N, C-alpha and C. Protein backbone atom coordinates (compact mmCIF):
# COMPACT_ATOMS: atom_id res chain seq x y z
N MET A 1 135.96 99.40 133.61
CA MET A 1 135.54 98.06 133.99
C MET A 1 135.76 97.81 135.48
N GLY A 2 135.75 98.84 136.26
CA GLY A 2 136.02 98.71 137.67
C GLY A 2 135.07 97.79 138.41
N GLY A 3 133.81 97.77 138.04
CA GLY A 3 132.84 96.92 138.71
C GLY A 3 132.94 95.45 138.36
N ASP A 4 133.64 95.17 137.28
CA ASP A 4 133.75 93.78 136.84
C ASP A 4 134.44 92.90 137.87
N GLU A 5 135.42 93.45 138.56
CA GLU A 5 136.14 92.64 139.55
C GLU A 5 135.22 92.18 140.67
N GLY A 6 134.33 93.08 141.11
CA GLY A 6 133.38 92.72 142.16
C GLY A 6 132.40 91.66 141.71
N VAL A 7 131.87 91.84 140.50
CA VAL A 7 130.92 90.87 139.95
C VAL A 7 131.62 89.54 139.74
N ALA A 8 132.81 89.58 139.14
CA ALA A 8 133.56 88.36 138.88
C ALA A 8 133.87 87.63 140.19
N GLY A 9 134.24 88.38 141.20
CA GLY A 9 134.54 87.78 142.50
C GLY A 9 133.34 87.08 143.10
N ARG A 10 132.18 87.71 142.98
CA ARG A 10 130.96 87.08 143.50
C ARG A 10 130.59 85.82 142.73
N LEU A 11 130.98 85.78 141.46
CA LEU A 11 130.72 84.60 140.64
C LEU A 11 131.81 83.55 140.76
N GLY A 12 132.88 83.89 141.49
CA GLY A 12 133.96 82.95 141.71
C GLY A 12 134.88 82.79 140.51
N MET A 13 135.08 83.88 139.76
CA MET A 13 135.97 83.83 138.60
C MET A 13 136.77 85.12 138.52
N SER A 14 137.75 85.12 137.65
CA SER A 14 138.55 86.33 137.47
C SER A 14 137.79 87.31 136.57
N ALA A 15 138.20 88.58 136.63
CA ALA A 15 137.59 89.59 135.78
C ALA A 15 137.85 89.27 134.31
N LYS A 16 139.02 88.71 134.01
CA LYS A 16 139.36 88.34 132.64
C LYS A 16 138.38 87.28 132.11
N THR A 17 138.09 86.28 132.93
CA THR A 17 137.15 85.24 132.53
C THR A 17 135.77 85.83 132.28
N LEU A 18 135.32 86.70 133.16
CA LEU A 18 134.02 87.34 132.99
C LEU A 18 133.98 88.13 131.69
N ARG A 19 135.05 88.88 131.39
CA ARG A 19 135.09 89.64 130.15
C ARG A 19 135.00 88.72 128.93
N LYS A 20 135.71 87.58 129.00
CA LYS A 20 135.65 86.62 127.88
C LYS A 20 134.22 86.10 127.70
N TRP A 21 133.54 85.80 128.80
CA TRP A 21 132.16 85.31 128.75
C TRP A 21 131.24 86.36 128.13
N VAL A 22 131.42 87.62 128.56
CA VAL A 22 130.58 88.70 128.04
C VAL A 22 130.83 88.89 126.55
N CYS A 23 132.09 88.87 126.14
CA CYS A 23 132.42 89.02 124.72
C CYS A 23 131.82 87.88 123.90
N GLN A 24 131.91 86.66 124.41
CA GLN A 24 131.35 85.51 123.69
C GLN A 24 129.83 85.62 123.61
N ALA A 25 129.21 86.10 124.67
CA ALA A 25 127.76 86.28 124.66
C ALA A 25 127.35 87.32 123.61
N GLU A 26 128.16 88.36 123.46
CA GLU A 26 127.87 89.37 122.45
C GLU A 26 127.98 88.79 121.04
N VAL A 27 128.94 87.90 120.83
CA VAL A 27 129.07 87.22 119.53
C VAL A 27 127.87 86.30 119.32
N ASP A 28 127.54 85.52 120.35
CA ASP A 28 126.44 84.56 120.23
C ASP A 28 125.10 85.22 119.93
N THR A 29 124.90 86.43 120.43
CA THR A 29 123.63 87.14 120.19
C THR A 29 123.67 87.99 118.93
N GLY A 30 124.80 88.01 118.24
CA GLY A 30 124.91 88.76 117.00
C GLY A 30 125.24 90.23 117.16
N GLU A 31 125.52 90.65 118.38
CA GLU A 31 125.86 92.05 118.61
C GLU A 31 127.23 92.39 118.05
N VAL A 32 128.13 91.40 118.03
CA VAL A 32 129.50 91.59 117.58
C VAL A 32 129.84 90.45 116.63
N ALA A 33 130.62 90.76 115.60
CA ALA A 33 131.04 89.72 114.66
C ALA A 33 132.04 88.77 115.33
N GLY A 34 132.00 87.52 114.94
CA GLY A 34 132.93 86.53 115.48
C GLY A 34 132.37 85.13 115.32
N VAL A 35 133.09 84.16 115.86
CA VAL A 35 132.68 82.76 115.78
C VAL A 35 131.83 82.45 117.00
N SER A 36 130.59 82.02 116.75
CA SER A 36 129.67 81.74 117.84
C SER A 36 130.05 80.47 118.58
N SER A 37 129.51 80.30 119.76
CA SER A 37 129.75 79.09 120.55
C SER A 37 129.29 77.86 119.78
N GLN A 38 128.17 77.96 119.10
CA GLN A 38 127.64 76.84 118.33
C GLN A 38 128.60 76.48 117.19
N GLU A 39 129.13 77.50 116.51
CA GLU A 39 130.09 77.25 115.43
C GLU A 39 131.37 76.64 115.97
N LYS A 40 131.83 77.12 117.12
CA LYS A 40 133.04 76.56 117.74
C LYS A 40 132.84 75.09 118.07
N GLN A 41 131.67 74.75 118.60
CA GLN A 41 131.37 73.36 118.94
C GLN A 41 131.34 72.49 117.68
N HIS A 42 130.74 73.01 116.63
CA HIS A 42 130.67 72.27 115.38
C HIS A 42 132.07 72.03 114.81
N LEU A 43 132.92 73.06 114.83
CA LEU A 43 134.30 72.91 114.37
C LEU A 43 135.06 71.89 115.20
N HIS A 44 134.84 71.92 116.50
CA HIS A 44 135.49 70.95 117.39
C HIS A 44 135.10 69.53 117.00
N GLU A 45 133.81 69.31 116.75
CA GLU A 45 133.33 67.98 116.37
C GLU A 45 133.90 67.55 115.02
N LEU A 46 133.95 68.48 114.07
CA LEU A 46 134.51 68.15 112.75
C LEU A 46 135.99 67.80 112.85
N ARG A 47 136.73 68.53 113.66
CA ARG A 47 138.15 68.23 113.83
C ARG A 47 138.35 66.87 114.49
N ARG A 48 137.50 66.54 115.46
CA ARG A 48 137.59 65.23 116.11
C ARG A 48 137.32 64.13 115.10
N LYS A 49 136.28 64.29 114.30
CA LYS A 49 135.94 63.29 113.29
C LYS A 49 137.06 63.16 112.26
N ASN A 50 137.66 64.29 111.90
CA ASN A 50 138.75 64.27 110.95
C ASN A 50 139.95 63.48 111.51
N ARG A 51 140.26 63.69 112.79
CA ARG A 51 141.35 62.94 113.43
C ARG A 51 141.05 61.44 113.41
N GLU A 52 139.81 61.09 113.70
CA GLU A 52 139.41 59.67 113.69
C GLU A 52 139.58 59.08 112.30
N LEU A 53 139.14 59.81 111.28
CA LEU A 53 139.26 59.31 109.91
C LEU A 53 140.72 59.19 109.49
N GLU A 54 141.54 60.15 109.90
CA GLU A 54 142.96 60.08 109.58
C GLU A 54 143.60 58.85 110.21
N LEU A 55 143.22 58.56 111.45
CA LEU A 55 143.76 57.38 112.12
C LEU A 55 143.31 56.09 111.42
N LEU A 56 142.04 56.04 111.04
CA LEU A 56 141.51 54.86 110.36
C LEU A 56 142.14 54.66 109.00
N SER A 57 142.46 55.74 108.31
CA SER A 57 143.01 55.62 106.97
C SER A 57 144.45 55.11 106.98
N LYS A 58 145.10 55.18 108.14
CA LYS A 58 146.47 54.68 108.25
C LYS A 58 146.51 53.16 108.28
N TYR A 59 145.38 52.52 108.58
CA TYR A 59 145.37 51.05 108.74
C TYR A 59 144.72 50.37 107.59
């Protein structure tokens, strides 16, 4: 991954961040198994709604 540092530097990020982006892109395109960005966003929204409902149920 020697070239990643140069690419990451030109993009203004660390090589670790670039690797995370590439790995997530591979998941999002179905090349690798994992939780897609869309699924992560949906889970985030469901958790937020759940917190709201929990707060409302206390009153």
